[in-house]
Amino acid sequence: MRRPLFNRLLGPSVETEEVDPRAVQGRLLKGEEEAVAGAAQTRIEQFTAGRVCSRIALSRLGVTKATPILRGEDRAPIWPPGFVGSISHTDAWCAAAVARSTDVRSIGIDLEPATPLKQSLWRRVCTQRERERLATLADPGLTGKILFSAKEAVYKCQYPLTTTFLGFHAVEIEMDDGSFEAVFRQEVNGFRIGDVVRGRYLVEEGLVASACELLP
């Protein structure tokens, strides 16, 4: 049995749930089904797992009614009033994290296979400084994937507050033994150049997991 990842990466105000999307116990609600109508079976499984995990986590925060978690035009989940959250998945694992908006402003989580980031993608994903650091490492590919995952978590965390899609070079990551700092290199609604978002990551059982949260 895989140990939960994100309850070790996020604070006590955040509830998380994780599952293998190929073995999820639950179904989509009315409205959610339309979001994946005609999609491939693997996509339906992953979408379903994300919604089921979200409802389980929300129930631990007192949401007893099964509430559809619809998708906006930007494809981001629409959380029930008074709650924030984030969903991520790979082919083999899915996770959701939710919290009351009075306790947490925003959450970002990301899952990736723990495979090396291809060197052909370094320039697209990593800033020059990040690439220079990777070039000094014995195993740069996996570190590159951690950088990618951390940026994805940060971008998902900032998006509900800014509604702005960011490029990979918008933040620069500083890593330190399971934690990271994302330094903004681009000004965006509510974030100035030099602002920092802190998060944590781990590599375990074939996965890279990254998470961050912003407090009120």
N, C-alpha and C. Protein backbone atom coordinates (compact mmCIF):
# COMPACT_ATOMS: atom_id res chain seq x y z
N MET A 1 0.85 -1.20 0.00
CA MET A 1 0.00 0.00 0.00
C MET A 1 0.89 1.24 0.00
N ARG A 2 0.68 2.10 -0.97
CA ARG A 2 1.48 3.31 -1.07
C ARG A 2 1.13 4.27 0.08
N ARG A 3 2.15 4.81 0.72
CA ARG A 3 1.91 5.77 1.79
C ARG A 3 1.45 7.09 1.20
N PRO A 4 0.47 7.77 1.84
CA PRO A 4 0.04 9.07 1.31
C PRO A 4 1.23 10.02 1.20
N LEU A 5 1.25 10.78 0.13
CA LEU A 5 2.36 11.69 -0.14
C LEU A 5 2.08 13.09 0.41
N PHE A 6 0.93 13.62 0.08
CA PHE A 6 0.72 15.04 0.30
C PHE A 6 0.37 15.42 1.73
N ASN A 7 -0.09 14.46 2.53
CA ASN A 7 -0.30 14.84 3.93
C ASN A 7 1.02 15.00 4.66
N ARG A 8 2.12 14.60 4.01
CA ARG A 8 3.46 14.83 4.57
C ARG A 8 4.09 16.11 4.04
N LEU A 9 3.47 16.69 3.02
CA LEU A 9 4.04 17.87 2.39
C LEU A 9 3.28 19.15 2.72
N LEU A 10 2.04 19.01 3.19
CA LEU A 10 1.19 20.17 3.43
C LEU A 10 0.88 20.32 4.92
N GLY A 11 0.41 21.49 5.30
CA GLY A 11 0.17 21.81 6.70
C GLY A 11 -1.08 21.14 7.26
N PRO A 12 -1.32 21.27 8.57
CA PRO A 12 -2.42 20.58 9.23
C PRO A 12 -3.81 21.08 8.84
N SER A 13 -3.91 22.25 8.22
CA SER A 13 -5.22 22.77 7.81
C SER A 13 -5.70 22.15 6.50
N VAL A 14 -4.82 21.42 5.82
CA VAL A 14 -5.14 20.86 4.51
C VAL A 14 -5.49 19.37 4.65
N GLU A 15 -6.62 18.98 4.05
CA GLU A 15 -6.99 17.57 3.99
C GLU A 15 -6.64 17.02 2.60
N THR A 16 -6.09 15.82 2.58
CA THR A 16 -5.69 15.22 1.31
C THR A 16 -6.27 13.82 1.17
N GLU A 17 -6.38 13.37 -0.06
CA GLU A 17 -6.78 12.00 -0.36
C GLU A 17 -6.08 11.57 -1.62
N GLU A 18 -5.67 10.28 -1.68
CA GLU A 18 -4.94 9.77 -2.84
C GLU A 18 -5.45 8.38 -3.20
N VAL A 19 -5.35 8.05 -4.49
CA VAL A 19 -5.88 6.77 -4.94
C VAL A 19 -5.25 6.41 -6.28
N ASP A 20 -5.25 5.13 -6.58
CA ASP A 20 -4.91 4.64 -7.91
C ASP A 20 -6.11 4.89 -8.82
N PRO A 21 -5.99 5.70 -9.85
CA PRO A 21 -7.16 6.02 -10.67
C PRO A 21 -7.76 4.82 -11.38
N ARG A 22 -6.99 3.74 -11.51
CA ARG A 22 -7.51 2.55 -12.17
C ARG A 22 -8.36 1.70 -11.24
N ALA A 23 -8.40 2.04 -9.96
CA ALA A 23 -9.14 1.25 -8.98
C ALA A 23 -9.99 2.13 -8.07
N VAL A 24 -10.44 3.27 -8.58
CA VAL A 24 -11.18 4.21 -7.75
C VAL A 24 -12.55 3.66 -7.39
N GLN A 25 -12.98 3.93 -6.16
CA GLN A 25 -14.29 3.53 -5.68
C GLN A 25 -15.18 4.78 -5.67
N GLY A 26 -15.97 4.95 -6.70
CA GLY A 26 -16.83 6.13 -6.78
C GLY A 26 -17.13 6.46 -8.23
N ARG A 27 -17.91 7.52 -8.42
CA ARG A 27 -18.34 7.88 -9.77
C ARG A 27 -18.43 9.39 -9.89
N LEU A 28 -18.61 9.84 -11.12
CA LEU A 28 -18.82 11.25 -11.37
C LEU A 28 -20.26 11.64 -11.09
N LEU A 29 -20.46 12.90 -10.74
CA LEU A 29 -21.79 13.43 -10.53
C LEU A 29 -22.27 14.16 -11.78
N LYS A 30 -23.56 14.50 -11.78
CA LYS A 30 -24.14 15.23 -12.90
C LYS A 30 -23.39 16.55 -13.10
N GLY A 31 -23.06 16.85 -14.30
CA GLY A 31 -22.29 18.04 -14.61
C GLY A 31 -20.82 17.72 -14.80
N GLU A 32 -20.29 16.88 -13.94
CA GLU A 32 -18.90 16.46 -14.08
C GLU A 32 -18.73 15.56 -15.31
N GLU A 33 -19.75 14.72 -15.56
CA GLU A 33 -19.67 13.79 -16.67
C GLU A 33 -19.50 14.51 -18.00
N GLU A 34 -20.13 15.68 -18.12
CA GLU A 34 -20.05 16.43 -19.37
C GLU A 34 -18.62 16.88 -19.67
N ALA A 35 -17.83 17.08 -18.61
CA ALA A 35 -16.46 17.59 -18.79
C ALA A 35 -15.57 16.57 -19.50
N VAL A 36 -15.89 15.29 -19.39
CA VAL A 36 -15.05 14.26 -20.01
C VAL A 36 -15.83 13.41 -21.01
N ALA A 37 -16.97 13.91 -21.44
CA ALA A 37 -17.75 13.17 -22.44
C ALA A 37 -16.92 12.96 -23.70
N GLY A 38 -16.81 11.71 -24.12
CA GLY A 38 -16.06 11.38 -25.32
C GLY A 38 -14.57 11.24 -25.13
N ALA A 39 -14.08 11.44 -23.89
CA ALA A 39 -12.64 11.34 -23.63
C ALA A 39 -12.21 9.88 -23.58
N ALA A 40 -10.89 9.66 -23.68
CA ALA A 40 -10.34 8.31 -23.57
C ALA A 40 -10.60 7.76 -22.17
N GLN A 41 -10.63 6.43 -22.06
CA GLN A 41 -10.94 5.80 -20.78
C GLN A 41 -9.95 6.19 -19.69
N THR A 42 -8.66 6.29 -20.03
CA THR A 42 -7.68 6.67 -19.01
C THR A 42 -7.95 8.08 -18.49
N ARG A 43 -8.34 8.99 -19.37
CA ARG A 43 -8.66 10.35 -18.94
C ARG A 43 -9.89 10.36 -18.04
N ILE A 44 -10.89 9.57 -18.37
CA ILE A 44 -12.10 9.48 -17.53
C ILE A 44 -11.74 8.94 -16.15
N GLU A 45 -10.88 7.92 -16.12
CA GLU A 45 -10.46 7.34 -14.83
C GLU A 45 -9.74 8.39 -13.98
N GLN A 46 -8.84 9.14 -14.58
CA GLN A 46 -8.08 10.14 -13.84
C GLN A 46 -8.98 11.27 -13.36
N PHE A 47 -9.86 11.74 -14.21
CA PHE A 47 -10.78 12.81 -13.84
C PHE A 47 -11.70 12.35 -12.70
N THR A 48 -12.21 11.13 -12.82
CA THR A 48 -13.09 10.59 -11.78
C THR A 48 -12.35 10.47 -10.46
N ALA A 49 -11.13 9.95 -10.51
CA ALA A 49 -10.35 9.79 -9.28
C ALA A 49 -10.12 11.13 -8.60
N GLY A 50 -9.82 12.16 -9.38
CA GLY A 50 -9.60 13.48 -8.80
C GLY A 50 -10.83 14.01 -8.10
N ARG A 51 -12.00 13.82 -8.72
CA ARG A 51 -13.25 14.30 -8.10
C ARG A 51 -13.61 13.48 -6.87
N VAL A 52 -13.44 12.17 -6.93
CA VAL A 52 -13.74 11.32 -5.78
C VAL A 52 -12.81 11.67 -4.61
N CYS A 53 -11.51 11.81 -4.89
CA CYS A 53 -10.57 12.19 -3.83
C CYS A 53 -10.94 13.54 -3.22
N SER A 54 -11.34 14.48 -4.06
CA SER A 54 -11.70 15.81 -3.58
C SER A 54 -12.90 15.73 -2.64
N ARG A 55 -13.92 14.94 -3.01
CA ARG A 55 -15.11 14.85 -2.16
C ARG A 55 -14.79 14.17 -0.82
N ILE A 56 -13.91 13.17 -0.86
CA ILE A 56 -13.52 12.53 0.40
C ILE A 56 -12.81 13.53 1.31
N ALA A 57 -11.88 14.30 0.74
CA ALA A 57 -11.16 15.30 1.53
C ALA A 57 -12.10 16.38 2.04
N LEU A 58 -13.04 16.83 1.20
CA LEU A 58 -14.01 17.84 1.62
C LEU A 58 -14.90 17.32 2.75
N SER A 59 -15.25 16.04 2.70
CA SER A 59 -16.10 15.48 3.76
C SER A 59 -15.43 15.55 5.12
N ARG A 60 -14.10 15.47 5.14
CA ARG A 60 -13.37 15.58 6.41
C ARG A 60 -13.39 17.00 6.95
N LEU A 61 -13.76 17.94 6.09
CA LEU A 61 -13.88 19.34 6.51
C LEU A 61 -15.33 19.73 6.75
N GLY A 62 -16.21 18.73 6.76
CA GLY A 62 -17.60 18.98 7.11
C GLY A 62 -18.56 19.12 5.95
N VAL A 63 -18.09 18.92 4.71
CA VAL A 63 -18.99 18.99 3.55
C VAL A 63 -19.65 17.62 3.39
N THR A 64 -20.87 17.50 3.89
CA THR A 64 -21.53 16.20 3.90
C THR A 64 -22.31 15.92 2.63
N LYS A 65 -22.71 16.96 1.90
CA LYS A 65 -23.45 16.78 0.66
C LYS A 65 -22.48 16.53 -0.49
N ALA A 66 -22.79 15.54 -1.31
CA ALA A 66 -21.94 15.24 -2.47
C ALA A 66 -22.08 16.38 -3.48
N THR A 67 -21.06 17.19 -3.58
CA THR A 67 -21.10 18.40 -4.40
C THR A 67 -20.29 18.21 -5.68
N PRO A 68 -20.89 18.45 -6.84
CA PRO A 68 -20.10 18.36 -8.08
C PRO A 68 -18.96 19.38 -8.08
N ILE A 69 -17.80 18.96 -8.53
CA ILE A 69 -16.66 19.86 -8.69
C ILE A 69 -16.49 20.05 -10.19
N LEU A 70 -17.09 21.11 -10.67
CA LEU A 70 -17.12 21.36 -12.10
C LEU A 70 -15.80 21.96 -12.56
N ARG A 71 -15.69 22.23 -13.83
CA ARG A 71 -14.47 22.75 -14.41
C ARG A 71 -14.79 24.04 -15.14
N GLY A 72 -13.98 25.09 -14.89
CA GLY A 72 -14.19 26.36 -15.55
C GLY A 72 -13.70 26.33 -16.98
N GLU A 73 -13.91 27.44 -17.69
CA GLU A 73 -13.45 27.53 -19.07
C GLU A 73 -11.94 27.40 -19.17
N ASP A 74 -11.25 27.75 -18.07
CA ASP A 74 -9.79 27.62 -18.04
C ASP A 74 -9.36 26.22 -17.61
N ARG A 75 -10.32 25.32 -17.42
CA ARG A 75 -10.11 23.92 -17.06
C ARG A 75 -9.74 23.73 -15.59
N ALA A 76 -9.71 24.79 -14.81
CA ALA A 76 -9.41 24.69 -13.38
C ALA A 76 -10.64 24.22 -12.62
N PRO A 77 -10.46 23.42 -11.56
CA PRO A 77 -11.62 22.99 -10.75
C PRO A 77 -12.32 24.18 -10.11
N ILE A 78 -13.65 24.09 -10.02
CA ILE A 78 -14.45 25.10 -9.32
C ILE A 78 -14.84 24.52 -7.97
N TRP A 79 -14.23 25.03 -6.91
CA TRP A 79 -14.43 24.48 -5.57
C TRP A 79 -15.68 25.05 -4.93
N PRO A 80 -16.29 24.31 -3.99
CA PRO A 80 -17.45 24.86 -3.28
C PRO A 80 -17.10 26.17 -2.59
N PRO A 81 -18.07 27.09 -2.45
CA PRO A 81 -17.79 28.35 -1.76
C PRO A 81 -17.18 28.12 -0.38
N GLY A 82 -16.12 28.87 -0.08
CA GLY A 82 -15.47 28.74 1.21
C GLY A 82 -14.34 27.74 1.26
N PHE A 83 -14.00 27.14 0.09
CA PHE A 83 -12.94 26.14 0.06
C PHE A 83 -11.98 26.42 -1.09
N VAL A 84 -10.76 25.95 -0.92
CA VAL A 84 -9.74 26.00 -1.97
C VAL A 84 -9.17 24.60 -2.13
N GLY A 85 -8.54 24.34 -3.26
CA GLY A 85 -7.98 23.01 -3.45
C GLY A 85 -7.12 22.89 -4.68
N SER A 86 -6.61 21.69 -4.87
CA SER A 86 -5.77 21.38 -6.03
C SER A 86 -5.82 19.88 -6.28
N ILE A 87 -5.74 19.50 -7.55
CA ILE A 87 -5.79 18.10 -7.96
C ILE A 87 -4.61 17.83 -8.89
N SER A 88 -4.01 16.65 -8.79
CA SER A 88 -2.96 16.26 -9.72
C SER A 88 -2.98 14.75 -9.89
N HIS A 89 -2.46 14.27 -11.00
CA HIS A 89 -2.44 12.83 -11.24
C HIS A 89 -1.37 12.47 -12.25
N THR A 90 -0.96 11.21 -12.19
CA THR A 90 -0.23 10.55 -13.25
C THR A 90 -1.11 9.40 -13.73
N ASP A 91 -0.59 8.57 -14.62
CA ASP A 91 -1.37 7.41 -15.05
C ASP A 91 -1.65 6.46 -13.89
N ALA A 92 -0.76 6.45 -12.88
CA ALA A 92 -0.84 5.43 -11.84
C ALA A 92 -1.24 5.96 -10.46
N TRP A 93 -1.36 7.28 -10.28
CA TRP A 93 -1.67 7.80 -8.95
C TRP A 93 -2.36 9.15 -9.10
N CYS A 94 -3.30 9.40 -8.20
CA CYS A 94 -4.06 10.64 -8.22
C CYS A 94 -4.18 11.18 -6.81
N ALA A 95 -4.16 12.50 -6.67
CA ALA A 95 -4.27 13.11 -5.34
C ALA A 95 -5.08 14.40 -5.42
N ALA A 96 -5.75 14.72 -4.32
CA ALA A 96 -6.44 15.99 -4.17
C ALA A 96 -6.13 16.54 -2.79
N ALA A 97 -6.06 17.86 -2.69
CA ALA A 97 -5.82 18.55 -1.43
C ALA A 97 -6.79 19.71 -1.32
N VAL A 98 -7.46 19.84 -0.18
CA VAL A 98 -8.45 20.90 0.00
C VAL A 98 -8.30 21.50 1.39
N ALA A 99 -8.79 22.74 1.53
CA ALA A 99 -8.76 23.43 2.82
C ALA A 99 -9.85 24.49 2.81
N ARG A 100 -10.20 24.95 4.01
CA ARG A 100 -11.11 26.09 4.12
C ARG A 100 -10.36 27.35 3.71
N SER A 101 -11.04 28.23 3.00
CA SER A 101 -10.38 29.45 2.53
C SER A 101 -10.06 30.41 3.66
N THR A 102 -10.66 30.20 4.83
CA THR A 102 -10.29 31.01 5.99
C THR A 102 -8.96 30.57 6.58
N ASP A 103 -8.54 29.34 6.27
CA ASP A 103 -7.28 28.80 6.80
C ASP A 103 -6.14 28.88 5.79
N VAL A 104 -6.47 28.73 4.52
CA VAL A 104 -5.46 28.69 3.45
C VAL A 104 -5.98 29.50 2.27
N ARG A 105 -5.15 30.37 1.72
CA ARG A 105 -5.57 31.17 0.56
C ARG A 105 -5.59 30.36 -0.72
N SER A 106 -4.59 29.49 -0.89
CA SER A 106 -4.50 28.72 -2.12
C SER A 106 -3.55 27.55 -1.92
N ILE A 107 -3.77 26.49 -2.71
CA ILE A 107 -2.96 25.27 -2.64
C ILE A 107 -2.53 24.90 -4.05
N GLY A 108 -1.33 24.38 -4.18
CA GLY A 108 -0.87 23.82 -5.45
C GLY A 108 -0.16 22.50 -5.20
N ILE A 109 -0.60 21.44 -5.87
CA ILE A 109 0.08 20.15 -5.77
C ILE A 109 0.40 19.65 -7.18
N ASP A 110 1.45 18.85 -7.29
CA ASP A 110 1.82 18.29 -8.58
C ASP A 110 2.45 16.92 -8.40
N LEU A 111 2.07 16.00 -9.26
CA LEU A 111 2.63 14.65 -9.33
C LEU A 111 3.27 14.45 -10.69
N GLU A 112 4.44 13.83 -10.70
CA GLU A 112 5.13 13.49 -11.94
C GLU A 112 5.81 12.13 -11.78
N PRO A 113 5.94 11.36 -12.86
CA PRO A 113 6.77 10.15 -12.77
C PRO A 113 8.21 10.55 -12.45
N ALA A 114 8.87 9.77 -11.62
CA ALA A 114 10.25 10.07 -11.22
C ALA A 114 11.23 9.60 -12.29
N THR A 115 11.06 10.16 -13.47
CA THR A 115 11.94 9.89 -14.60
C THR A 115 12.71 11.16 -14.93
N PRO A 116 13.89 11.05 -15.54
CA PRO A 116 14.68 12.25 -15.81
C PRO A 116 13.97 13.21 -16.76
N LEU A 117 14.12 14.50 -16.49
CA LEU A 117 13.68 15.51 -17.44
C LEU A 117 14.66 15.49 -18.62
N LYS A 118 14.14 15.30 -19.82
CA LYS A 118 15.00 15.21 -21.00
C LYS A 118 15.81 16.49 -21.16
N GLN A 119 17.08 16.33 -21.52
CA GLN A 119 17.94 17.49 -21.66
C GLN A 119 17.43 18.44 -22.74
N SER A 120 16.71 17.91 -23.71
CA SER A 120 16.15 18.76 -24.77
C SER A 120 15.10 19.73 -24.22
N LEU A 121 14.60 19.47 -23.00
CA LEU A 121 13.59 20.35 -22.39
C LEU A 121 14.18 21.31 -21.37
N TRP A 122 15.46 21.18 -21.06
CA TRP A 122 16.05 22.02 -20.02
C TRP A 122 15.86 23.50 -20.32
N ARG A 123 16.15 23.91 -21.55
CA ARG A 123 16.09 25.34 -21.88
C ARG A 123 14.66 25.86 -21.76
N ARG A 124 13.69 25.05 -22.12
CA ARG A 124 12.29 25.48 -22.03
C ARG A 124 11.81 25.59 -20.59
N VAL A 125 12.22 24.64 -19.74
CA VAL A 125 11.70 24.56 -18.37
C VAL A 125 12.54 25.38 -17.40
N CYS A 126 13.85 25.40 -17.58
CA CYS A 126 14.77 25.93 -16.57
C CYS A 126 15.37 27.27 -16.99
N THR A 127 15.54 28.15 -16.01
CA THR A 127 16.26 29.40 -16.26
C THR A 127 17.74 29.09 -16.49
N GLN A 128 18.47 30.07 -16.95
CA GLN A 128 19.90 29.86 -17.19
C GLN A 128 20.59 29.44 -15.90
N ARG A 129 20.27 30.08 -14.79
CA ARG A 129 20.90 29.73 -13.52
C ARG A 129 20.56 28.31 -13.12
N GLU A 130 19.33 27.89 -13.32
CA GLU A 130 18.95 26.52 -13.00
C GLU A 130 19.69 25.53 -13.88
N ARG A 131 19.84 25.85 -15.16
CA ARG A 131 20.56 24.96 -16.08
C ARG A 131 22.03 24.85 -15.68
N GLU A 132 22.61 25.94 -15.24
CA GLU A 132 24.01 25.90 -14.81
C GLU A 132 24.17 24.99 -13.60
N ARG A 133 23.20 25.03 -12.68
CA ARG A 133 23.26 24.13 -11.52
C ARG A 133 23.11 22.68 -11.95
N LEU A 134 22.17 22.40 -12.85
CA LEU A 134 21.96 21.03 -13.31
C LEU A 134 23.23 20.47 -13.93
N ALA A 135 23.95 21.29 -14.66
CA ALA A 135 25.15 20.83 -15.36
C ALA A 135 26.25 20.38 -14.41
N THR A 136 26.16 20.76 -13.13
CA THR A 136 27.18 20.38 -12.16
C THR A 136 26.84 19.09 -11.42
N LEU A 137 25.63 18.52 -11.65
CA LEU A 137 25.16 17.39 -10.86
C LEU A 137 25.46 16.07 -11.54
N ALA A 138 25.61 15.04 -10.69
CA ALA A 138 25.83 13.69 -11.21
C ALA A 138 24.55 13.12 -11.83
N ASP A 139 23.38 13.48 -11.30
CA ASP A 139 22.10 12.99 -11.81
C ASP A 139 21.18 14.18 -12.09
N PRO A 140 21.49 14.96 -13.12
CA PRO A 140 20.74 16.20 -13.35
C PRO A 140 19.31 15.97 -13.83
N GLY A 141 19.06 14.85 -14.48
CA GLY A 141 17.74 14.62 -15.06
C GLY A 141 16.64 14.57 -14.01
N LEU A 142 16.87 13.84 -12.92
CA LEU A 142 15.86 13.74 -11.88
C LEU A 142 15.68 15.08 -11.17
N THR A 143 16.78 15.77 -10.92
CA THR A 143 16.66 17.10 -10.32
C THR A 143 15.87 18.03 -11.23
N GLY A 144 16.10 17.91 -12.54
CA GLY A 144 15.32 18.70 -13.48
C GLY A 144 13.83 18.41 -13.38
N LYS A 145 13.47 17.14 -13.18
CA LYS A 145 12.06 16.79 -13.03
C LYS A 145 11.50 17.38 -11.74
N ILE A 146 12.29 17.42 -10.67
CA ILE A 146 11.83 18.05 -9.43
C ILE A 146 11.58 19.54 -9.66
N LEU A 147 12.49 20.20 -10.38
CA LEU A 147 12.29 21.61 -10.70
C LEU A 147 10.99 21.81 -11.48
N PHE A 148 10.77 20.96 -12.47
CA PHE A 148 9.54 21.03 -13.26
C PHE A 148 8.31 20.88 -12.36
N SER A 149 8.32 19.88 -11.48
CA SER A 149 7.18 19.62 -10.61
C SER A 149 6.95 20.77 -9.63
N ALA A 150 8.02 21.30 -9.06
CA ALA A 150 7.87 22.42 -8.13
C ALA A 150 7.25 23.63 -8.82
N LYS A 151 7.67 23.90 -10.04
CA LYS A 151 7.10 25.03 -10.78
C LYS A 151 5.62 24.79 -11.07
N GLU A 152 5.27 23.57 -11.44
CA GLU A 152 3.86 23.26 -11.68
C GLU A 152 3.02 23.50 -10.42
N ALA A 153 3.52 23.08 -9.26
CA ALA A 153 2.80 23.30 -8.01
C ALA A 153 2.63 24.78 -7.72
N VAL A 154 3.69 25.55 -7.92
CA VAL A 154 3.62 27.00 -7.68
C VAL A 154 2.64 27.66 -8.64
N TYR A 155 2.66 27.30 -9.90
CA TYR A 155 1.77 27.92 -10.88
C TYR A 155 0.31 27.59 -10.56
N LYS A 156 0.04 26.35 -10.12
CA LYS A 156 -1.32 25.98 -9.75
C LYS A 156 -1.76 26.69 -8.47
N CYS A 157 -0.81 26.99 -7.60
CA CYS A 157 -1.12 27.70 -6.37
C CYS A 157 -1.44 29.17 -6.63
N GLN A 158 -0.69 29.81 -7.51
CA GLN A 158 -0.91 31.23 -7.76
C GLN A 158 -2.10 31.51 -8.68
N TYR A 159 -2.46 30.53 -9.50
CA TYR A 159 -3.45 30.80 -10.53
C TYR A 159 -4.82 31.24 -9.98
N PRO A 160 -5.39 30.60 -8.95
CA PRO A 160 -6.69 31.06 -8.46
C PRO A 160 -6.67 32.50 -7.96
N LEU A 161 -5.50 32.99 -7.58
CA LEU A 161 -5.38 34.36 -7.06
C LEU A 161 -5.13 35.36 -8.17
N THR A 162 -4.45 34.94 -9.24
CA THR A 162 -4.06 35.87 -10.30
C THR A 162 -4.80 35.65 -11.61
N THR A 163 -5.35 34.45 -11.79
CA THR A 163 -5.93 34.00 -13.08
C THR A 163 -4.99 34.29 -14.24
N THR A 164 -3.70 34.06 -13.99
CA THR A 164 -2.67 34.32 -14.99
C THR A 164 -1.88 33.04 -15.25
N PHE A 165 -1.78 32.65 -16.51
CA PHE A 165 -0.93 31.52 -16.89
C PHE A 165 0.51 32.01 -16.99
N LEU A 166 1.41 31.31 -16.32
CA LEU A 166 2.82 31.72 -16.30
C LEU A 166 3.67 30.76 -17.11
N GLY A 167 4.72 31.30 -17.72
CA GLY A 167 5.71 30.45 -18.38
C GLY A 167 6.66 29.86 -17.35
N PHE A 168 7.43 28.88 -17.78
CA PHE A 168 8.32 28.19 -16.84
C PHE A 168 9.40 29.09 -16.28
N HIS A 169 9.75 30.15 -16.97
CA HIS A 169 10.81 31.02 -16.49
C HIS A 169 10.30 32.13 -15.58
N ALA A 170 9.00 32.10 -15.26
CA ALA A 170 8.43 33.15 -14.41
C ALA A 170 8.92 33.05 -12.97
N VAL A 171 9.31 31.86 -12.54
CA VAL A 171 9.89 31.69 -11.21
C VAL A 171 11.18 30.91 -11.32
N GLU A 172 12.06 31.10 -10.35
CA GLU A 172 13.32 30.36 -10.28
C GLU A 172 13.33 29.59 -8.97
N ILE A 173 13.69 28.31 -9.04
CA ILE A 173 13.59 27.41 -7.89
C ILE A 173 14.93 27.25 -7.20
N GLU A 174 14.91 27.39 -5.88
CA GLU A 174 16.05 27.05 -5.02
C GLU A 174 15.64 25.84 -4.20
N MET A 175 16.38 24.73 -4.33
CA MET A 175 16.04 23.49 -3.62
C MET A 175 16.99 23.26 -2.46
N ASP A 176 16.44 22.62 -1.39
CA ASP A 176 17.25 22.32 -0.22
C ASP A 176 16.68 21.13 0.52
N ASP A 177 17.09 19.92 0.16
CA ASP A 177 16.79 18.70 0.92
C ASP A 177 15.32 18.57 1.30
N GLY A 178 14.45 18.49 0.32
CA GLY A 178 13.04 18.27 0.55
C GLY A 178 12.19 19.52 0.58
N SER A 179 12.79 20.67 0.54
CA SER A 179 12.04 21.92 0.49
C SER A 179 12.52 22.75 -0.69
N PHE A 180 11.71 23.73 -1.08
CA PHE A 180 12.11 24.62 -2.17
C PHE A 180 11.55 26.01 -1.95
N GLU A 181 12.20 26.97 -2.57
CA GLU A 181 11.72 28.34 -2.64
C GLU A 181 11.58 28.71 -4.11
N ALA A 182 10.43 29.25 -4.46
CA ALA A 182 10.19 29.72 -5.82
C ALA A 182 10.21 31.25 -5.80
N VAL A 183 11.19 31.83 -6.46
CA VAL A 183 11.37 33.28 -6.48
C VAL A 183 10.78 33.83 -7.78
N PHE A 184 9.84 34.75 -7.66
CA PHE A 184 9.20 35.31 -8.84
C PHE A 184 10.18 36.20 -9.61
N ARG A 185 10.28 35.95 -10.90
CA ARG A 185 11.11 36.77 -11.79
C ARG A 185 10.24 37.64 -12.69
N GLN A 186 8.94 37.51 -12.52
CA GLN A 186 7.97 38.25 -13.33
C GLN A 186 6.90 38.81 -12.41
N GLU A 187 6.50 40.05 -12.62
CA GLU A 187 5.43 40.63 -11.82
C GLU A 187 4.09 40.18 -12.37
N VAL A 188 3.21 39.76 -11.45
CA VAL A 188 1.89 39.29 -11.82
C VAL A 188 0.94 39.73 -10.71
N ASN A 189 -0.33 39.84 -11.00
CA ASN A 189 -1.30 40.35 -10.02
C ASN A 189 -1.07 39.77 -8.63
N GLY A 190 -0.68 40.61 -7.69
CA GLY A 190 -0.49 40.16 -6.31
C GLY A 190 0.90 39.65 -5.99
N PHE A 191 1.75 39.47 -6.99
CA PHE A 191 3.12 39.01 -6.77
C PHE A 191 4.08 39.97 -7.47
N ARG A 192 5.11 40.39 -6.73
CA ARG A 192 6.13 41.27 -7.28
C ARG A 192 7.40 40.47 -7.58
N ILE A 193 8.25 41.01 -8.41
CA ILE A 193 9.54 40.38 -8.68
C ILE A 193 10.30 40.26 -7.34
N GLY A 194 10.79 39.07 -7.06
CA GLY A 194 11.49 38.82 -5.80
C GLY A 194 10.63 38.18 -4.73
N ASP A 195 9.30 38.18 -4.90
CA ASP A 195 8.44 37.49 -3.93
C ASP A 195 8.74 35.99 -3.95
N VAL A 196 8.53 35.35 -2.81
CA VAL A 196 8.90 33.94 -2.65
C VAL A 196 7.69 33.12 -2.23
N VAL A 197 7.51 31.98 -2.87
CA VAL A 197 6.55 30.96 -2.44
C VAL A 197 7.36 29.74 -2.01
N ARG A 198 7.11 29.27 -0.81
CA ARG A 198 7.86 28.12 -0.27
C ARG A 198 7.02 26.85 -0.35
N GLY A 199 7.70 25.75 -0.61
CA GLY A 199 7.01 24.48 -0.71
C GLY A 199 7.92 23.33 -0.34
N ARG A 200 7.40 22.12 -0.50
CA ARG A 200 8.16 20.91 -0.19
C ARG A 200 7.98 19.90 -1.31
N TYR A 201 8.93 18.97 -1.40
CA TYR A 201 8.85 17.93 -2.42
C TYR A 201 9.40 16.63 -1.84
N LEU A 202 9.06 15.53 -2.48
CA LEU A 202 9.69 14.25 -2.15
C LEU A 202 9.69 13.38 -3.40
N VAL A 203 10.59 12.43 -3.40
CA VAL A 203 10.70 11.45 -4.48
C VAL A 203 10.55 10.08 -3.82
N GLU A 204 9.51 9.37 -4.22
CA GLU A 204 9.20 8.12 -3.53
C GLU A 204 8.36 7.22 -4.42
N GLU A 205 8.68 5.93 -4.42
CA GLU A 205 7.89 4.91 -5.13
C GLU A 205 7.60 5.30 -6.58
N GLY A 206 8.62 5.82 -7.24
CA GLY A 206 8.49 6.12 -8.65
C GLY A 206 7.79 7.42 -8.97
N LEU A 207 7.55 8.27 -7.96
CA LEU A 207 6.86 9.52 -8.17
C LEU A 207 7.66 10.70 -7.61
N VAL A 208 7.50 11.84 -8.25
CA VAL A 208 7.91 13.12 -7.69
C VAL A 208 6.65 13.85 -7.28
N ALA A 209 6.56 14.27 -6.02
CA ALA A 209 5.41 15.03 -5.52
C ALA A 209 5.90 16.37 -5.00
N SER A 210 5.23 17.44 -5.40
CA SER A 210 5.57 18.78 -4.94
C SER A 210 4.29 19.47 -4.46
N ALA A 211 4.42 20.33 -3.46
CA ALA A 211 3.25 21.00 -2.91
C ALA A 211 3.64 22.32 -2.27
N CYS A 212 2.71 23.27 -2.35
CA CYS A 212 2.89 24.54 -1.64
C CYS A 212 1.51 25.07 -1.27
N GLU A 213 1.48 25.93 -0.28
CA GLU A 213 0.23 26.56 0.15
C GLU A 213 0.53 27.99 0.56
N LEU A 214 -0.44 28.87 0.34
CA LEU A 214 -0.33 30.26 0.76
C LEU A 214 -1.33 30.49 1.88
N LEU A 215 -0.87 31.03 2.98
CA LEU A 215 -1.73 31.26 4.13
C LEU A 215 -2.33 32.67 4.06
N PRO A 216 -3.47 32.90 4.74
CA PRO A 216 -4.11 34.22 4.71
C PRO A 216 -3.16 35.30 5.26
